[in-house]
Amino acid sequence: MIRIRTITALATVTALVATTACSDDSVGPDDQIDVTADIALIAADATDEDLGLMGGMVPSGPGGGFGGFGDRTVTRSRTFLEADGTEMEAYDPLLTATILTEMETRGDVTRGDLSLSIERTRTMTVSGLEGEETERTFDGLGTDARTRVVTSDARGERSFEMSGSLVVDGVVRAVDRESRPWPLSGTITRTMDVTILNGPNGDETRSSVVTVTFDGTQFATMTVDGEIFEVDLANRGRDRMRRHRGGQGGP
């Protein structure tokens, strides 16, 4: 097992320009205060971090590296396994079949109109690595023990305190990230307990289930308690979110 402690690991995020379908409603500052949209935005930001973790789980080669975490304290351990489950002393690009990563992240970060204070754990595996692989599969569990969020825009400032759990289920990513940069399939599901301070109804607490589904394009589908959003994975900020017309249950 290899253990690494990294202080203030710096994220590298690809910035692209994207367009969205005209049939969707933008979640922007002209809307009324919308807690569901705020939860969707926070979940999208957390999804960026999870994808960054996936990109750093393989220590070398295409899609490797250590990124996606921002200026935070990160404690990480990795275990390399052969196809029969035997633990390896070091990573071998041809013989390693699976990597288990356990990580804890703490710190503060500001991105656009979001300010976050986080305490998260992740236990993740990446499999399908043996030989000259073209795709890798990610699965895992996680917790958000404490996430304090302040979002501020033209509609005012809202504060959130969040905790919950995470399931990463069969997220497939290509080794060649230049030709196929986005997750090809799979889901990330969060169960979140959210306390809203200074929300549209005063202070309130709600539980939400948020699922992000990938299909190989830069536009992932997110459901927040059944309400559907489109998320631009190549963008950051509130304008990356599009709420589908028609309310809950379909576009």
Foldseek 3Di string as FASTA:
>chain_A
DDWDWDAFAAADAFADDDDDDPQWAFQDPVDAFDVLLVVVQVVLLVVQQVLQPVLDQQCDAFSHDHHSAGRWTKIKDKWFAFPVGDTDPDDDQAGTFKMWMKMWIFDWDDDDQKTKTWTKIWIKMWGPRHHPDFKIWMWTKMKTQWMWMWGQDNNGIKIKIKIWMKTWFGFMDTSPCVVQVWTQWTKMKIWMWMWIDPGPVHTDIDIWIKMWIDHRDQWIWIAINQFIWTARNNHHDSRRITGRPDGGDDD
